[in-house]
């Protein structure tokens, strides 16, 4: 292949990539989720690293790893979008 044909080939690849949207440049700020202070329960044992979001914990939550007690704390985490199930509608006869 001569130099002209190599340049032509490379230009065609660049044009093809632009058509497919491969020229989008992402920045680190776009990829980072927004962090929010979130209430958590963490294991009281210093050697155990387990924690759970308070909104997903049950009453009297014990550590899922070491079965020890858990304490309240705050951690900066990405916001979770909870999917709320719609409540079943009452039949008209119950109104």
Protein backbone atom coordinates (compact mmCIF):
# COMPACT_ATOMS: atom_id res chain seq x y z
CA UNK A 1 0.00 0.00 0.00
CA UNK A 2 1.26 3.44 -0.76
CA UNK A 3 1.05 6.44 1.59
CA UNK A 4 -1.94 8.02 -0.14
CA UNK A 5 -4.06 4.89 0.15
CA UNK A 6 -3.16 4.53 3.86
CA UNK A 7 -4.20 8.14 4.52
CA UNK A 8 -7.44 7.62 2.58
CA UNK A 9 -8.16 4.47 4.60
CA UNK A 10 -7.55 6.23 7.92
CA UNK A 11 -9.76 9.17 6.95
CA UNK A 12 -12.57 6.83 5.98
CA UNK A 13 -12.30 5.13 9.39
CA UNK A 14 -12.53 8.51 11.14
CA UNK A 15 -15.60 9.49 9.11
CA UNK A 16 -17.25 6.16 9.83
CA UNK A 17 -16.58 6.55 13.56
CA UNK A 18 -18.11 10.04 13.54
CA UNK A 19 -21.28 8.75 11.88
CA UNK A 20 -21.66 6.07 14.54
CA UNK A 21 -21.20 8.58 17.38
CA UNK A 22 -17.81 7.32 18.51
CA UNK A 23 -16.42 10.84 18.73
CA UNK A 24 -18.25 11.62 21.99
CA UNK A 25 -15.79 12.58 24.69
CA UNK A 26 -16.88 11.93 28.25
CA UNK A 27 -15.44 13.71 31.23
CA UNK A 28 -14.93 12.38 34.70
CA UNK A 29 -17.65 14.71 36.04
CA UNK A 30 -20.27 13.15 33.75
CA UNK A 31 -19.48 9.63 34.95
CA UNK A 32 -19.51 10.38 38.69
CA UNK A 33 -22.87 9.91 40.41
CA UNK A 34 -23.98 12.62 42.80
CA UNK A 35 -23.15 11.58 46.37
CA UNK A 36 -25.64 12.21 49.15
CA UNK A 37 -25.24 11.73 52.93
CA UNK A 38 -27.11 8.47 53.56
CA UNK A 39 -28.12 6.90 56.85
CA UNK A 40 -26.63 3.43 57.23
CA UNK A 41 -26.25 0.69 59.79
CA UNK A 42 -22.68 -0.59 60.13
CA UNK A 43 -21.28 -3.46 62.11
CA UNK A 44 -20.01 -2.51 65.57
CA UNK A 45 -17.12 -4.99 65.24
CA UNK A 46 -14.06 -3.05 64.00
CA UNK A 47 -12.78 -6.06 62.04
CA UNK A 48 -16.03 -6.47 60.10
CA UNK A 49 -16.71 -4.15 57.14
CA UNK A 50 -20.43 -4.91 56.67
CA UNK A 51 -23.00 -2.12 56.34
CA UNK A 52 -26.52 -1.70 54.97
CA UNK A 53 -28.61 1.32 54.00
CA UNK A 54 -31.06 2.12 56.78
CA UNK A 55 -33.96 2.18 54.30
CA UNK A 56 -33.25 -1.46 53.37
CA UNK A 57 -32.65 -2.70 56.91
CA UNK A 58 -35.15 -4.60 59.00
CA UNK A 59 -36.01 -3.95 62.64
CA UNK A 60 -33.38 -5.43 64.96
CA UNK A 61 -30.91 -5.73 62.07
CA UNK A 62 -27.89 -7.91 62.86
CA UNK A 63 -24.69 -8.00 60.85
CA UNK A 64 -25.15 -10.28 57.84
CA UNK A 65 -21.52 -11.41 58.03
CA UNK A 66 -20.61 -11.85 61.71
CA UNK A 67 -24.12 -11.73 63.27
CA UNK A 68 -22.99 -8.96 65.64
CA UNK A 69 -24.84 -5.77 66.61
CA UNK A 70 -25.07 -2.84 64.20
CA UNK A 71 -24.90 0.90 64.90
CA UNK A 72 -26.23 3.93 63.03
CA UNK A 73 -23.87 6.00 60.94
CA UNK A 74 -23.75 8.17 57.81
CA UNK A 75 -21.97 7.40 54.55
CA UNK A 76 -21.81 9.47 51.36
CA UNK A 77 -23.36 7.26 48.68
CA UNK A 78 -24.99 7.59 45.29
CA UNK A 79 -28.71 8.15 45.50
CA UNK A 80 -30.79 5.02 44.91
CA UNK A 81 -34.01 5.32 42.98
CA UNK A 82 -36.55 3.18 44.77
CA UNK A 83 -39.17 1.61 42.58
CA UNK A 84 -42.49 2.03 44.32
CA UNK A 85 -45.05 -0.62 43.58
CA UNK A 86 -48.48 0.87 42.94
CA UNK A 87 -51.10 0.00 45.54
CA UNK A 88 -53.97 -2.11 44.26
CA UNK A 89 -57.09 -0.09 43.62
CA UNK A 90 -60.16 -0.68 45.72
CA UNK A 91 -63.23 -1.89 43.91
CA UNK A 92 -65.92 0.76 43.50
CA UNK A 93 -68.22 -1.22 45.75
CA UNK A 94 -65.98 -0.44 48.76
CA UNK A 95 -66.30 3.37 48.40
